[in-house]
Amino acid sequence: MYLDSSYKQVQTSFLFMCEKFEKEEDCLLFSKEILENFDSKSELQEKVMKHFKATPIYKTKHMGQGVFKATCWIGDKSLGFALSSSKKKAEKELAKKILENKELFQESK
């Protein structure tokens, strides 16, 4: 399904199947909010590859006192930064923040 579809189409289909299972079994499979935010780094990589023909590079630095700063780069252009309590969380939050910037992916078309 993924090879023939976009990331968004796969996500929509998967969410539909989860909802159907939950209704039939009368139990929660997982939180839709967690699922929707689970793989923001992969979605960002897909969009960056499509629009810029490059791979996003994350540079993460421990700032002290349990704070990590993640910065995402395409070549020599910084797409932004995020602070969080772990390297992984900072990178995921940053990817989500970048994906919300619709203008970034329109300017390269």
N, C-alpha and C. Protein backbone atom coordinates (compact mmCIF):
# COMPACT_ATOMS: atom_id res chain seq x y z
N MET A 1 0.83 -1.19 0.00
CA MET A 1 0.00 0.00 0.00
C MET A 1 0.87 1.25 0.00
N TYR A 2 1.97 1.30 0.75
CA TYR A 2 2.79 2.50 0.83
C TYR A 2 3.45 2.83 -0.49
N LEU A 3 3.91 1.84 -1.23
CA LEU A 3 4.58 2.11 -2.50
C LEU A 3 3.65 2.75 -3.52
N ASP A 4 2.36 2.46 -3.41
CA ASP A 4 1.39 2.99 -4.36
C ASP A 4 0.68 4.23 -3.83
N SER A 5 0.95 4.63 -2.61
CA SER A 5 0.23 5.72 -1.98
C SER A 5 1.18 6.70 -1.32
N SER A 6 0.61 7.82 -0.92
CA SER A 6 1.39 8.80 -0.17
C SER A 6 1.35 8.44 1.32
N TYR A 7 2.21 9.05 2.07
CA TYR A 7 2.25 8.84 3.52
C TYR A 7 0.89 9.15 4.13
N LYS A 8 0.26 10.24 3.70
CA LYS A 8 -1.02 10.67 4.26
C LYS A 8 -2.11 9.64 3.96
N GLN A 9 -2.12 9.07 2.76
CA GLN A 9 -3.12 8.07 2.39
C GLN A 9 -2.97 6.81 3.25
N VAL A 10 -1.74 6.40 3.47
CA VAL A 10 -1.49 5.23 4.31
C VAL A 10 -1.95 5.50 5.73
N GLN A 11 -1.62 6.67 6.24
CA GLN A 11 -2.02 7.04 7.60
C GLN A 11 -3.55 7.03 7.72
N THR A 12 -4.26 7.60 6.76
CA THR A 12 -5.72 7.64 6.77
C THR A 12 -6.31 6.23 6.75
N SER A 13 -5.78 5.37 5.89
CA SER A 13 -6.26 3.99 5.80
C SER A 13 -6.02 3.23 7.10
N PHE A 14 -4.84 3.42 7.66
CA PHE A 14 -4.49 2.74 8.90
C PHE A 14 -5.41 3.19 10.04
N LEU A 15 -5.66 4.49 10.13
CA LEU A 15 -6.55 5.00 11.17
C LEU A 15 -7.96 4.44 11.01
N PHE A 16 -8.40 4.32 9.77
CA PHE A 16 -9.73 3.74 9.50
C PHE A 16 -9.79 2.29 10.01
N MET A 17 -8.74 1.51 9.71
CA MET A 17 -8.71 0.11 10.16
C MET A 17 -8.68 0.02 11.70
N CYS A 18 -7.94 0.92 12.33
CA CYS A 18 -7.89 0.93 13.80
C CYS A 18 -9.25 1.24 14.39
N GLU A 19 -9.94 2.23 13.82
CA GLU A 19 -11.27 2.59 14.32
C GLU A 19 -12.24 1.43 14.17
N LYS A 20 -12.17 0.74 13.04
CA LYS A 20 -13.05 -0.41 12.81
C LYS A 20 -12.78 -1.50 13.84
N PHE A 21 -11.51 -1.81 14.09
CA PHE A 21 -11.15 -2.82 15.08
C PHE A 21 -11.67 -2.43 16.46
N GLU A 22 -11.46 -1.16 16.83
CA GLU A 22 -11.88 -0.70 18.16
C GLU A 22 -13.40 -0.80 18.34
N LYS A 23 -14.16 -0.50 17.29
CA LYS A 23 -15.62 -0.60 17.37
C LYS A 23 -16.06 -2.06 17.49
N GLU A 24 -15.45 -2.92 16.67
CA GLU A 24 -15.84 -4.34 16.68
C GLU A 24 -15.44 -5.04 17.97
N GLU A 25 -14.27 -4.69 18.51
CA GLU A 25 -13.76 -5.35 19.73
C GLU A 25 -14.10 -4.59 21.00
N ASP A 26 -14.65 -3.39 20.84
CA ASP A 26 -15.01 -2.53 21.96
C ASP A 26 -13.83 -2.30 22.92
N CYS A 27 -12.67 -1.96 22.34
CA CYS A 27 -11.49 -1.64 23.12
C CYS A 27 -10.60 -0.69 22.32
N LEU A 28 -9.78 0.08 23.04
CA LEU A 28 -8.86 1.00 22.37
C LEU A 28 -7.60 0.27 21.94
N LEU A 29 -7.21 0.45 20.70
CA LEU A 29 -5.98 -0.13 20.20
C LEU A 29 -4.80 0.74 20.61
N PHE A 30 -4.87 2.03 20.31
CA PHE A 30 -3.95 3.02 20.81
C PHE A 30 -4.54 4.40 20.62
N SER A 31 -3.90 5.38 21.20
CA SER A 31 -4.37 6.75 21.12
C SER A 31 -4.12 7.30 19.72
N LYS A 32 -5.15 7.82 19.09
CA LYS A 32 -4.99 8.40 17.75
C LYS A 32 -4.05 9.60 17.77
N GLU A 33 -4.07 10.36 18.86
CA GLU A 33 -3.18 11.52 18.98
C GLU A 33 -1.72 11.08 18.96
N ILE A 34 -1.41 10.02 19.68
CA ILE A 34 -0.04 9.50 19.69
C ILE A 34 0.34 9.00 18.30
N LEU A 35 -0.57 8.28 17.66
CA LEU A 35 -0.30 7.74 16.32
C LEU A 35 -0.08 8.86 15.31
N GLU A 36 -0.91 9.90 15.35
CA GLU A 36 -0.78 10.99 14.39
C GLU A 36 0.53 11.74 14.57
N ASN A 37 1.07 11.78 15.77
CA ASN A 37 2.32 12.49 16.04
C ASN A 37 3.54 11.56 16.09
N PHE A 38 3.32 10.28 15.89
CA PHE A 38 4.37 9.28 16.10
C PHE A 38 5.57 9.46 15.18
N ASP A 39 5.32 9.65 13.92
CA ASP A 39 6.42 9.59 12.97
C ASP A 39 6.61 10.89 12.19
N SER A 40 6.67 11.99 12.88
CA SER A 40 6.82 13.29 12.22
C SER A 40 8.17 13.39 11.50
N LYS A 41 9.21 12.74 12.02
CA LYS A 41 10.53 12.81 11.37
C LYS A 41 10.49 12.13 10.00
N SER A 42 9.80 11.00 9.89
CA SER A 42 9.71 10.31 8.59
C SER A 42 8.90 11.12 7.60
N GLU A 43 7.81 11.69 8.07
CA GLU A 43 6.98 12.52 7.19
C GLU A 43 7.77 13.74 6.71
N LEU A 44 8.54 14.35 7.61
CA LEU A 44 9.36 15.50 7.22
C LEU A 44 10.40 15.08 6.18
N GLN A 45 11.05 13.95 6.41
CA GLN A 45 12.06 13.49 5.45
C GLN A 45 11.45 13.27 4.07
N GLU A 46 10.25 12.69 4.04
CA GLU A 46 9.56 12.46 2.76
C GLU A 46 9.30 13.78 2.04
N LYS A 47 8.80 14.77 2.77
CA LYS A 47 8.49 16.07 2.16
C LYS A 47 9.75 16.81 1.71
N VAL A 48 10.79 16.76 2.54
CA VAL A 48 12.04 17.45 2.20
C VAL A 48 12.65 16.81 0.95
N MET A 49 12.64 15.49 0.88
CA MET A 49 13.18 14.80 -0.30
C MET A 49 12.39 15.20 -1.55
N LYS A 50 11.08 15.26 -1.44
CA LYS A 50 10.23 15.60 -2.58
C LYS A 50 10.46 17.03 -3.06
N HIS A 51 10.53 17.97 -2.12
CA HIS A 51 10.59 19.39 -2.49
C HIS A 51 12.01 19.93 -2.68
N PHE A 52 12.96 19.38 -1.95
CA PHE A 52 14.31 19.95 -1.99
C PHE A 52 15.37 18.98 -2.51
N LYS A 53 14.97 17.71 -2.73
CA LYS A 53 15.92 16.69 -3.21
C LYS A 53 17.12 16.57 -2.27
N ALA A 54 16.85 16.63 -0.97
CA ALA A 54 17.90 16.55 0.05
C ALA A 54 17.33 15.83 1.27
N THR A 55 18.21 15.47 2.18
CA THR A 55 17.80 14.83 3.43
C THR A 55 17.98 15.82 4.58
N PRO A 56 16.97 15.93 5.45
CA PRO A 56 17.14 16.83 6.60
C PRO A 56 18.18 16.27 7.56
N ILE A 57 19.02 17.14 8.09
CA ILE A 57 20.06 16.76 9.04
C ILE A 57 19.71 17.38 10.39
N TYR A 58 19.66 16.54 11.43
CA TYR A 58 19.40 17.02 12.78
C TYR A 58 20.72 17.12 13.53
N LYS A 59 20.92 18.26 14.16
CA LYS A 59 22.08 18.47 15.03
C LYS A 59 21.52 18.76 16.42
N THR A 60 21.88 17.91 17.37
CA THR A 60 21.33 18.02 18.72
C THR A 60 22.45 18.27 19.72
N LYS A 61 22.19 19.20 20.62
CA LYS A 61 23.19 19.58 21.61
C LYS A 61 22.58 19.56 23.01
N HIS A 62 23.29 18.96 23.97
CA HIS A 62 22.84 18.98 25.36
C HIS A 62 23.17 20.36 25.92
N MET A 63 22.14 21.05 26.37
CA MET A 63 22.30 22.42 26.85
C MET A 63 22.55 22.49 28.36
N GLY A 64 22.46 21.34 29.03
CA GLY A 64 22.62 21.31 30.48
C GLY A 64 21.28 21.23 31.17
N GLN A 65 21.28 20.79 32.39
CA GLN A 65 20.09 20.68 33.23
C GLN A 65 18.97 19.90 32.54
N GLY A 66 19.32 18.85 31.80
CA GLY A 66 18.32 17.99 31.17
C GLY A 66 17.61 18.60 29.98
N VAL A 67 18.20 19.60 29.35
CA VAL A 67 17.58 20.24 28.18
C VAL A 67 18.43 19.97 26.95
N PHE A 68 17.74 19.55 25.87
CA PHE A 68 18.40 19.30 24.60
C PHE A 68 17.85 20.26 23.55
N LYS A 69 18.74 20.75 22.70
CA LYS A 69 18.35 21.64 21.61
C LYS A 69 18.62 20.91 20.29
N ALA A 70 17.55 20.73 19.50
CA ALA A 70 17.68 20.11 18.19
C ALA A 70 17.49 21.17 17.12
N THR A 71 18.36 21.17 16.13
CA THR A 71 18.27 22.07 14.98
C THR A 71 18.22 21.20 13.73
N CYS A 72 17.37 21.56 12.78
CA CYS A 72 17.25 20.80 11.54
C CYS A 72 17.79 21.64 10.38
N TRP A 73 18.61 21.01 9.54
CA TRP A 73 19.26 21.69 8.43
C TRP A 73 18.96 21.02 7.10
N ILE A 74 18.81 21.83 6.07
CA ILE A 74 18.84 21.35 4.69
C ILE A 74 19.98 22.12 4.05
N GLY A 75 21.05 21.42 3.79
CA GLY A 75 22.25 22.09 3.31
C GLY A 75 22.73 23.08 4.34
N ASP A 76 22.85 24.36 3.96
CA ASP A 76 23.30 25.38 4.90
C ASP A 76 22.15 26.22 5.46
N LYS A 77 20.91 25.77 5.23
CA LYS A 77 19.73 26.50 5.71
C LYS A 77 19.13 25.81 6.94
N SER A 78 19.04 26.55 8.04
CA SER A 78 18.40 26.04 9.25
C SER A 78 16.89 26.19 9.11
N LEU A 79 16.16 25.11 9.42
CA LEU A 79 14.70 25.15 9.36
C LEU A 79 14.08 25.50 10.70
N GLY A 80 14.90 25.57 11.74
CA GLY A 80 14.40 25.92 13.06
C GLY A 80 15.03 25.07 14.13
N PHE A 81 14.56 25.28 15.37
CA PHE A 81 15.08 24.51 16.49
C PHE A 81 13.95 24.25 17.49
N ALA A 82 14.18 23.26 18.35
CA ALA A 82 13.24 22.93 19.42
C ALA A 82 14.04 22.50 20.64
N LEU A 83 13.49 22.79 21.81
CA LEU A 83 14.08 22.39 23.08
C LEU A 83 13.18 21.35 23.74
N SER A 84 13.80 20.33 24.34
CA SER A 84 13.02 19.32 25.05
C SER A 84 13.89 18.60 26.07
N SER A 85 13.27 17.68 26.80
CA SER A 85 13.96 16.96 27.87
C SER A 85 14.80 15.78 27.38
N SER A 86 14.68 15.42 26.09
CA SER A 86 15.52 14.37 25.53
C SER A 86 15.82 14.70 24.06
N LYS A 87 16.88 14.10 23.56
CA LYS A 87 17.27 14.31 22.17
C LYS A 87 16.15 13.88 21.23
N LYS A 88 15.60 12.71 21.48
CA LYS A 88 14.55 12.16 20.62
C LYS A 88 13.31 13.06 20.61
N LYS A 89 12.88 13.50 21.79
CA LYS A 89 11.70 14.37 21.89
C LYS A 89 11.94 15.70 21.17
N ALA A 90 13.12 16.26 21.33
CA ALA A 90 13.43 17.54 20.68
C ALA A 90 13.37 17.40 19.17
N GLU A 91 13.93 16.32 18.62
CA GLU A 91 13.91 16.11 17.17
C GLU A 91 12.50 15.89 16.66
N LYS A 92 11.68 15.10 17.38
CA LYS A 92 10.30 14.87 16.95
C LYS A 92 9.47 16.15 17.02
N GLU A 93 9.64 16.91 18.10
CA GLU A 93 8.90 18.17 18.23
C GLU A 93 9.30 19.15 17.14
N LEU A 94 10.58 19.17 16.81
CA LEU A 94 11.07 20.05 15.76
C LEU A 94 10.48 19.66 14.41
N ALA A 95 10.49 18.36 14.11
CA ALA A 95 9.93 17.89 12.84
C ALA A 95 8.45 18.28 12.73
N LYS A 96 7.71 18.09 13.81
CA LYS A 96 6.29 18.46 13.81
C LYS A 96 6.12 19.96 13.57
N LYS A 97 6.94 20.76 14.23
CA LYS A 97 6.90 22.23 14.09
C LYS A 97 7.19 22.64 12.64
N ILE A 98 8.18 22.01 12.02
CA ILE A 98 8.54 22.32 10.64
C ILE A 98 7.41 21.93 9.69
N LEU A 99 6.80 20.77 9.93
CA LEU A 99 5.69 20.31 9.08
C LEU A 99 4.50 21.26 9.13
N GLU A 100 4.32 21.94 10.23
CA GLU A 100 3.21 22.90 10.36
C GLU A 100 3.45 24.16 9.54
N ASN A 101 4.69 24.39 9.12
CA ASN A 101 5.04 25.56 8.31
C ASN A 101 4.76 25.24 6.83
N LYS A 102 3.54 25.47 6.40
CA LYS A 102 3.11 25.13 5.03
C LYS A 102 3.87 25.94 3.97
N GLU A 103 4.28 27.16 4.31
CA GLU A 103 4.99 28.00 3.35
C GLU A 103 6.33 27.42 2.92
N LEU A 104 6.98 26.72 3.81
CA LEU A 104 8.29 26.15 3.51
C LEU A 104 8.22 25.22 2.30
N PHE A 105 7.17 24.44 2.19
CA PHE A 105 7.07 23.47 1.11
C PHE A 105 6.41 24.05 -0.14
N GLN A 106 5.82 25.23 -0.04
CA GLN A 106 5.25 25.88 -1.21
C GLN A 106 6.28 26.67 -1.98
N GLU A 107 7.28 27.23 -1.27
CA GLU A 107 8.26 28.12 -1.91
C GLU A 107 9.16 27.40 -2.91
N SER A 108 9.33 26.08 -2.75
CA SER A 108 10.27 25.36 -3.60
C SER A 108 9.63 24.81 -4.87
N LYS A 109 8.33 24.95 -5.01
CA LYS A 109 7.64 24.39 -6.17
C LYS A 109 7.84 25.21 -7.42
